[in-house]
Amino acid sequence: MSRRLAFVGGGAAVVVVAVALGYRVGSDLGDGGPDGPRAWTAGWDAAPVWLEIQAPDVEFRDAAGGVARLTDYAGQIVLLNFWGTWCPPCLAEIPHLIEVQEVLADLGGTIVGPAVGSGSPEEVLRFAGEHGINYPLWLSDYETAVGRFGAAGYPFTLLIDRKGIIRKQYLGPQTARTLLHDIEALVASRSESENESDPGKVSPSS
């Protein structure tokens, strides 16, 4: 793990501590059965506190070797999940992400998984096939994950709305239950906002 944190220079010791904390706590994802540990689901039913941060427009490589950017998914809800094939809590989270992707795709959104320091595109694609990953994968380096997106540990996930605004961030592995709750709340908040801007529009629940 020390090799993977070598790029964090002096004055950023707090990032090292955060990474170690997220990695250690995340390793317990299996506790509590398929819904994951209480530590990561506590308070999942509370109303989310939304952020409002413009997502960086950064160029990545996709697992097929092409160029990819978040703007490729403009108008969609995106769950951006920084992870690594070397990261046990990331691996434990994958089945939950597969479940979320099935629902999110029906909403016209997607998970995108930048694999951090995880080898060649061929290695990432082979790993994806072995684990049944059903969402697009990109390749990322540590500097991009930390410097541009603020990853303080892995997995690190950002919920991005249809306008490219980061609305929530998650450090450590999450359950499908938690992520779907927040996605549904985001969709609902967007619908309410549209209704307020158009008084003649009736919400589905009305």
C-alpha atoms as a PDB file:
ATOM      1  CA  MET A   1       0.000   0.000   0.000  1.00  0.00           C
ATOM      2  CA  SER A   2       2.914   2.366   0.651  1.00  0.00           C
ATOM      3  CA  ARG A   3       3.909   2.121  -3.038  1.00  0.00           C
ATOM      4  CA  ARG A   4       0.449   3.255  -4.067  1.00  0.00           C
ATOM      5  CA  LEU A   5       0.667   6.315  -1.804  1.00  0.00           C
ATOM      6  CA  ALA A   6       4.163   7.298  -2.874  1.00  0.00           C
ATOM      7  CA  PHE A   7       2.940  10.164  -5.054  1.00  0.00           C
ATOM      8  CA  VAL A   8       1.462  12.000  -2.041  1.00  0.00           C
ATOM      9  CA  GLY A   9       4.089  14.574  -1.228  1.00  0.00           C
ATOM     10  CA  GLY A  10       5.001  16.467   1.922  1.00  0.00           C
ATOM     11  CA  GLY A  11       2.291  18.539   3.526  1.00  0.00           C
ATOM     12  CA  ALA A  12      -0.378  16.051   2.457  1.00  0.00           C
ATOM     13  CA  ALA A  13      -0.079  13.585   5.294  1.00  0.00           C
ATOM     14  CA  VAL A  14      -3.770  14.010   6.000  1.00  0.00           C
ATOM     15  CA  VAL A  15      -4.507  12.389   2.644  1.00  0.00           C
ATOM     16  CA  VAL A  16      -2.377   9.394   3.602  1.00  0.00           C
ATOM     17  CA  VAL A  17      -4.286   9.047   6.860  1.00  0.00           C
ATOM     18  CA  ALA A  18      -7.631   9.327   5.075  1.00  0.00           C
ATOM     19  CA  VAL A  19      -6.647   6.683   2.538  1.00  0.00           C
ATOM     20  CA  ALA A  20      -5.534   4.304   5.274  1.00  0.00           C
ATOM     21  CA  LEU A  21      -8.748   4.912   7.215  1.00  0.00           C
ATOM     22  CA  GLY A  22     -11.008   4.378   4.214  1.00  0.00           C
ATOM     23  CA  TYR A  23      -9.120   1.246   3.212  1.00  0.00           C
ATOM     24  CA  ARG A  24      -9.257  -0.245   6.732  1.00  0.00           C
ATOM     25  CA  VAL A  25     -12.912   0.533   7.398  1.00  0.00           C
ATOM     26  CA  GLY A  26     -13.901  -0.503   3.889  1.00  0.00           C
ATOM     27  CA  SER A  27     -12.371  -3.936   4.326  1.00  0.00           C
ATOM     28  CA  ASP A  28     -15.307  -4.787   6.604  1.00  0.00           C
ATOM     29  CA  LEU A  29     -17.907  -4.450   3.825  1.00  0.00           C
ATOM     30  CA  GLY A  30     -18.817  -8.112   4.049  1.00  0.00           C
ATOM     31  CA  ASP A  31     -20.047  -7.754   7.652  1.00  0.00           C
ATOM     32  CA  GLY A  32     -23.810  -7.921   7.996  1.00  0.00           C
ATOM     33  CA  GLY A  33     -24.657  -9.982   4.924  1.00  0.00           C
ATOM     34  CA  PRO A  34     -25.621  -8.702   1.472  1.00  0.00           C
ATOM     35  CA  ASP A  35     -26.683  -5.294   2.762  1.00  0.00           C
ATOM     36  CA  GLY A  36     -23.173  -4.587   4.033  1.00  0.00           C
ATOM     37  CA  PRO A  37     -21.973  -3.232   7.366  1.00  0.00           C
ATOM     38  CA  ARG A  38     -23.958  -0.986   9.645  1.00  0.00           C
ATOM     39  CA  ALA A  39     -21.074   1.513   9.583  1.00  0.00           C
ATOM     40  CA  TRP A  40     -21.709   2.329   5.920  1.00  0.00           C
ATOM     41  CA  THR A  41     -25.512   2.155   5.906  1.00  0.00           C
ATOM     42  CA  ALA A  42     -26.258   4.047   9.108  1.00  0.00           C
ATOM     43  CA  GLY A  43     -28.543   6.968   8.324  1.00  0.00           C
ATOM     44  CA  TRP A  44     -29.114   5.839   4.730  1.00  0.00           C
ATOM     45  CA  ASP A  45     -32.803   6.725   4.987  1.00  0.00           C
ATOM     46  CA  ALA A  46     -32.119  10.347   5.947  1.00  0.00           C
ATOM     47  CA  ALA A  47     -32.611  13.098   3.371  1.00  0.00           C
ATOM     48  CA  PRO A  48     -29.317  13.584   1.497  1.00  0.00           C
ATOM     49  CA  VAL A  49     -27.348  16.783   1.923  1.00  0.00           C
ATOM     50  CA  TRP A  50     -26.579  17.867  -1.623  1.00  0.00           C
ATOM     51  CA  LEU A  51     -23.319  19.378  -2.814  1.00  0.00           C
ATOM     52  CA  GLU A  52     -23.119  21.780  -5.735  1.00  0.00           C
ATOM     53  CA  ILE A  53     -19.672  21.458  -7.316  1.00  0.00           C
ATOM     54  CA  GLN A  54     -18.980  21.483 -11.036  1.00  0.00           C
ATOM     55  CA  ALA A  55     -17.366  18.190 -12.048  1.00  0.00           C
ATOM     56  CA  PRO A  56     -13.935  18.644 -13.688  1.00  0.00           C
ATOM     57  CA  ASP A  57     -13.829  18.086 -17.437  1.00  0.00           C
ATOM     58  CA  VAL A  58     -10.892  15.683 -17.457  1.00  0.00           C
ATOM     59  CA  GLU A  59      -9.763  13.411 -20.274  1.00  0.00           C
ATOM     60  CA  PHE A  60      -9.454   9.710 -19.470  1.00  0.00           C
ATOM     61  CA  ARG A  61      -8.740   6.587 -21.483  1.00  0.00           C
ATOM     62  CA  ASP A  62     -11.483   4.019 -21.638  1.00  0.00           C
ATOM     63  CA  ALA A  63     -10.789   0.316 -21.299  1.00  0.00           C
ATOM     64  CA  ALA A  64     -10.873  -0.043 -25.095  1.00  0.00           C
ATOM     65  CA  GLY A  65      -8.071   2.505 -25.456  1.00  0.00           C
ATOM     66  CA  GLY A  66     -10.225   5.409 -26.633  1.00  0.00           C
ATOM     67  CA  VAL A  67     -10.623   8.897 -25.193  1.00  0.00           C
ATOM     68  CA  ALA A  68     -13.408   9.420 -22.641  1.00  0.00           C
ATOM     69  CA  ARG A  69     -14.744  12.403 -20.705  1.00  0.00           C
ATOM     70  CA  LEU A  70     -17.636  13.017 -18.342  1.00  0.00           C
ATOM     71  CA  THR A  71     -19.142  15.319 -20.963  1.00  0.00           C
ATOM     72  CA  ASP A  72     -19.737  12.178 -23.054  1.00  0.00           C
ATOM     73  CA  TYR A  73     -22.574  11.525 -20.592  1.00  0.00           C
ATOM     74  CA  ALA A  74     -24.068  15.020 -20.603  1.00  0.00           C
ATOM     75  CA  GLY A  75     -27.737  14.905 -19.642  1.00  0.00           C
ATOM     76  CA  GLN A  76     -27.322  11.681 -17.655  1.00  0.00           C
ATOM     77  CA  ILE A  77     -26.944  10.910 -13.975  1.00  0.00           C
ATOM     78  CA  VAL A  78     -23.443   9.482 -13.503  1.00  0.00           C
ATOM     79  CA  LEU A  79     -22.058   7.569 -10.543  1.00  0.00           C
ATOM     80  CA  LEU A  80     -18.288   8.025 -10.911  1.00  0.00           C
ATOM     81  CA  ASN A  81     -16.540   5.273  -8.954  1.00  0.00           C
ATOM     82  CA  PHE A  82     -12.753   5.476  -8.514  1.00  0.00           C
ATOM     83  CA  TRP A  83     -11.504   2.011  -7.626  1.00  0.00           C
ATOM     84  CA  GLY A  84      -8.633  -0.401  -8.176  1.00  0.00           C
ATOM     85  CA  THR A  85      -8.220  -4.069  -8.972  1.00  0.00           C
ATOM     86  CA  TRP A  86      -5.704  -4.144  -6.092  1.00  0.00           C
ATOM     87  CA  CYS A  87      -8.220  -2.787  -3.538  1.00  0.00           C
ATOM     88  CA  PRO A  88     -10.143  -5.416  -1.473  1.00  0.00           C
ATOM     89  CA  PRO A  89     -12.956  -3.048  -0.362  1.00  0.00           C
ATOM     90  CA  CYS A  90     -13.395  -2.008  -3.987  1.00  0.00           C
ATOM     91  CA  LEU A  91     -13.860  -5.628  -4.971  1.00  0.00           C
ATOM     92  CA  ALA A  92     -16.406  -6.165  -2.204  1.00  0.00           C
ATOM     93  CA  GLU A  93     -18.385  -3.184  -3.501  1.00  0.00           C
ATOM     94  CA  ILE A  94     -18.597  -4.429  -7.104  1.00  0.00           C
ATOM     95  CA  PRO A  95     -21.706  -6.644  -6.661  1.00  0.00           C
ATOM     96  CA  HIS A  96     -23.538  -3.646  -5.206  1.00  0.00           C
ATOM     97  CA  LEU A  97     -22.515  -1.476  -8.153  1.00  0.00           C
ATOM     98  CA  ILE A  98     -23.673  -4.127 -10.608  1.00  0.00           C
ATOM     99  CA  GLU A  99     -27.093  -4.037  -8.925  1.00  0.00           C
ATOM    100  CA  VAL A 100     -27.190  -0.235  -8.990  1.00  0.00           C
ATOM    101  CA  GLN A 101     -26.235  -0.139 -12.676  1.00  0.00           C
ATOM    102  CA  GLU A 102     -29.256  -2.237 -13.614  1.00  0.00           C
ATOM    103  CA  VAL A 103     -31.555   0.362 -12.034  1.00  0.00           C
ATOM    104  CA  LEU A 104     -29.590   3.440 -13.087  1.00  0.00           C
ATOM    105  CA  ALA A 105     -29.510   2.349 -16.721  1.00  0.00           C
ATOM    106  CA  ASP A 106     -33.312   2.296 -16.715  1.00  0.00           C
ATOM    107  CA  LEU A 107     -33.236   5.924 -15.560  1.00  0.00           C
ATOM    108  CA  GLY A 108     -30.988   6.900 -18.456  1.00  0.00           C
ATOM    109  CA  GLY A 109     -27.861   7.074 -16.308  1.00  0.00           C
ATOM    110  CA  THR A 110     -24.767   4.994 -15.736  1.00  0.00           C
ATOM    111  CA  ILE A 111     -21.941   4.100 -13.422  1.00  0.00           C
ATOM    112  CA  VAL A 112     -18.480   4.842 -14.780  1.00  0.00           C
ATOM    113  CA  GLY A 113     -15.537   3.211 -13.036  1.00  0.00           C
ATOM    114  CA  PRO A 114     -12.096   4.794 -13.482  1.00  0.00           C
ATOM    115  CA  ALA A 115      -9.631   2.051 -12.462  1.00  0.00           C
ATOM    116  CA  VAL A 116      -6.758   3.687 -10.590  1.00  0.00           C
ATOM    117  CA  GLY A 117      -3.284   2.211 -11.047  1.00  0.00           C
ATOM    118  CA  SER A 118      -4.745  -1.068 -12.259  1.00  0.00           C
ATOM    119  CA  GLY A 119      -2.589  -1.921 -15.261  1.00  0.00           C
ATOM    120  CA  SER A 120      -3.261  -2.030 -18.978  1.00  0.00           C
ATOM    121  CA  PRO A 121      -6.655  -1.772 -20.680  1.00  0.00           C
ATOM    122  CA  GLU A 122      -6.447  -5.495 -21.430  1.00  0.00           C
ATOM    123  CA  GLU A 123      -5.887  -6.310 -17.760  1.00  0.00           C
ATOM    124  CA  VAL A 124      -8.808  -4.140 -16.678  1.00  0.00           C
ATOM    125  CA  LEU A 125     -11.113  -5.654 -19.295  1.00  0.00           C
ATOM    126  CA  ARG A 126     -10.124  -9.164 -18.260  1.00  0.00           C
ATOM    127  CA  PHE A 127     -10.826  -8.305 -14.623  1.00  0.00           C
ATOM    128  CA  ALA A 128     -14.202  -6.839 -15.602  1.00  0.00           C
ATOM    129  CA  GLY A 129     -15.156 -10.016 -17.418  1.00  0.00           C
ATOM    130  CA  GLU A 130     -14.150 -12.185 -14.489  1.00  0.00           C
ATOM    131  CA  HIS A 131     -16.326 -10.157 -12.094  1.00  0.00           C
ATOM    132  CA  GLY A 132     -19.339  -9.544 -14.343  1.00  0.00           C
ATOM    133  CA  ILE A 133     -18.959  -5.752 -14.342  1.00  0.00           C
ATOM    134  CA  ASN A 134     -21.819  -4.285 -16.401  1.00  0.00           C
ATOM    135  CA  TYR A 135     -20.795  -0.612 -16.564  1.00  0.00           C
ATOM    136  CA  PRO A 136     -18.121   1.319 -18.496  1.00  0.00           C
ATOM    137  CA  LEU A 137     -14.571   1.319 -17.135  1.00  0.00           C
ATOM    138  CA  TRP A 138     -11.920   3.958 -17.632  1.00  0.00           C
ATOM    139  CA  LEU A 139      -8.245   4.123 -16.678  1.00  0.00           C
ATOM    140  CA  SER A 140      -6.989   6.710 -14.192  1.00  0.00           C
ATOM    141  CA  ASP A 141      -3.784   7.600 -12.405  1.00  0.00           C
ATOM    142  CA  TYR A 142      -3.511   8.612  -8.754  1.00  0.00           C
ATOM    143  CA  GLU A 143      -2.762  12.252  -9.542  1.00  0.00           C
ATOM    144  CA  THR A 144      -6.058  12.650 -11.436  1.00  0.00           C
ATOM    145  CA  ALA A 145      -8.117  10.808  -8.841  1.00  0.00           C
ATOM    146  CA  VAL A 146      -6.728  12.837  -5.948  1.00  0.00           C
ATOM    147  CA  GLY A 147      -5.744  16.147  -7.536  1.00  0.00           C
ATOM    148  CA  ARG A 148      -8.772  16.698  -9.781  1.00  0.00           C
ATOM    149  CA  PHE A 149     -11.528  14.752  -8.020  1.00  0.00           C
ATOM    150  CA  GLY A 150     -10.443  14.791  -4.358  1.00  0.00           C
ATOM    151  CA  ALA A 151     -10.221  11.044  -3.791  1.00  0.00           C
ATOM    152  CA  ALA A 152      -9.001  10.572  -0.218  1.00  0.00           C
ATOM    153  CA  GLY A 153      -9.216   6.772  -0.344  1.00  0.00           C
ATOM    154  CA  TYR A 154     -10.648   3.952  -2.406  1.00  0.00           C
ATOM    155  CA  PRO A 155     -13.264   3.305  -3.419  1.00  0.00           C
ATOM    156  CA  PHE A 156     -14.247   6.942  -3.849  1.00  0.00           C
ATOM    157  CA  THR A 157     -17.538   7.700  -5.559  1.00  0.00           C
ATOM    158  CA  LEU A 158     -19.223  10.855  -6.838  1.00  0.00           C
ATOM    159  CA  LEU A 159     -22.908  11.212  -7.659  1.00  0.00           C
ATOM    160  CA  ILE A 160     -23.153  13.639 -10.582  1.00  0.00           C
ATOM    161  CA  ASP A 161     -26.430  15.068 -11.826  1.00  0.00           C
ATOM    162  CA  ARG A 162     -27.614  15.578 -15.403  1.00  0.00           C
ATOM    163  CA  LYS A 163     -26.038  19.043 -15.517  1.00  0.00           C
ATOM    164  CA  GLY A 164     -22.580  17.787 -14.571  1.00  0.00           C
ATOM    165  CA  ILE A 165     -22.809  18.949 -10.955  1.00  0.00           C
ATOM    166  CA  ILE A 166     -21.343  16.791  -8.190  1.00  0.00           C
ATOM    167  CA  ARG A 167     -24.192  16.339  -5.732  1.00  0.00           C
ATOM    168  CA  LYS A 168     -22.732  13.816  -3.288  1.00  0.00           C
ATOM    169  CA  GLN A 169     -19.461  12.052  -2.533  1.00  0.00           C
ATOM    170  CA  TYR A 170     -18.773   8.766  -0.761  1.00  0.00           C
ATOM    171  CA  LEU A 171     -15.518   7.586   0.785  1.00  0.00           C
ATOM    172  CA  GLY A 172     -15.290   3.830   1.208  1.00  0.00           C
ATOM    173  CA  PRO A 173     -17.510   1.032  -0.096  1.00  0.00           C
ATOM    174  CA  GLN A 174     -21.237   1.640  -0.346  1.00  0.00           C
ATOM    175  CA  THR A 175     -24.212  -0.680  -0.534  1.00  0.00           C
ATOM    176  CA  ALA A 176     -26.713  -0.755  -3.375  1.00  0.00           C
ATOM    177  CA  ARG A 177     -29.361   0.268  -0.848  1.00  0.00           C
ATOM    178  CA  THR A 178     -27.532   3.473   0.074  1.00  0.00           C
ATOM    179  CA  LEU A 179     -26.677   4.467  -3.481  1.00  0.00           C
ATOM    180  CA  LEU A 180     -30.141   3.760  -4.872  1.00  0.00           C
ATOM    181  CA  HIS A 181     -31.719   5.761  -2.050  1.00  0.00           C
ATOM    182  CA  ASP A 182     -29.637   8.805  -2.999  1.00  0.00           C
ATOM    183  CA  ILE A 183     -30.177   8.349  -6.734  1.00  0.00           C
ATOM    184  CA  GLU A 184     -33.935   8.168  -6.229  1.00  0.00           C
ATOM    185  CA  ALA A 185     -33.803  11.264  -4.009  1.00  0.00           C
ATOM    186  CA  LEU A 186     -31.803  13.113  -6.673  1.00  0.00           C
ATOM    187  CA  VAL A 187     -34.312  12.190  -9.373  1.00  0.00           C
ATOM    188  CA  ALA A 188     -37.161  13.316  -7.111  1.00  0.00           C
ATOM    189  CA  SER A 189     -35.460  16.627  -6.271  1.00  0.00           C
ATOM    190  CA  ARG A 190     -34.935  17.325  -9.960  1.00  0.00           C
ATOM    191  CA  SER A 191     -38.600  16.624 -10.703  1.00  0.00           C
ATOM    192  CA  GLU A 192     -39.687  18.992  -7.936  1.00  0.00           C
ATOM    193  CA  SER A 193     -37.358  21.688  -9.274  1.00  0.00           C
ATOM    194  CA  GLU A 194     -38.830  21.344 -12.762  1.00  0.00           C
ATOM    195  CA  ASN A 195     -42.357  21.590 -11.374  1.00  0.00           C
ATOM    196  CA  GLU A 196     -41.470  24.783  -9.497  1.00  0.00           C
ATOM    197  CA  SER A 197     -40.137  26.346 -12.694  1.00  0.00           C
ATOM    198  CA  ASP A 198     -43.260  25.250 -14.576  1.00  0.00           C
ATOM    199  CA  PRO A 199     -46.346  25.733 -12.318  1.00  0.00           C
ATOM    200  CA  GLY A 200     -48.572  24.126 -14.922  1.00  0.00           C
ATOM    201  CA  LYS A 201     -46.665  20.844 -14.783  1.00  0.00           C
ATOM    202  CA  VAL A 202     -48.121  18.175 -12.523  1.00  0.00           C
ATOM    203  CA  SER A 203     -45.785  15.749 -10.774  1.00  0.00           C
ATOM    204  CA  PRO A 204     -46.418  11.997 -11.145  1.00  0.00           C
ATOM    205  CA  SER A 205     -47.392  11.780  -7.479  1.00  0.00           C
ATOM    206  CA  SER A 206     -50.057  14.485  -7.766  1.00  0.00           C
END
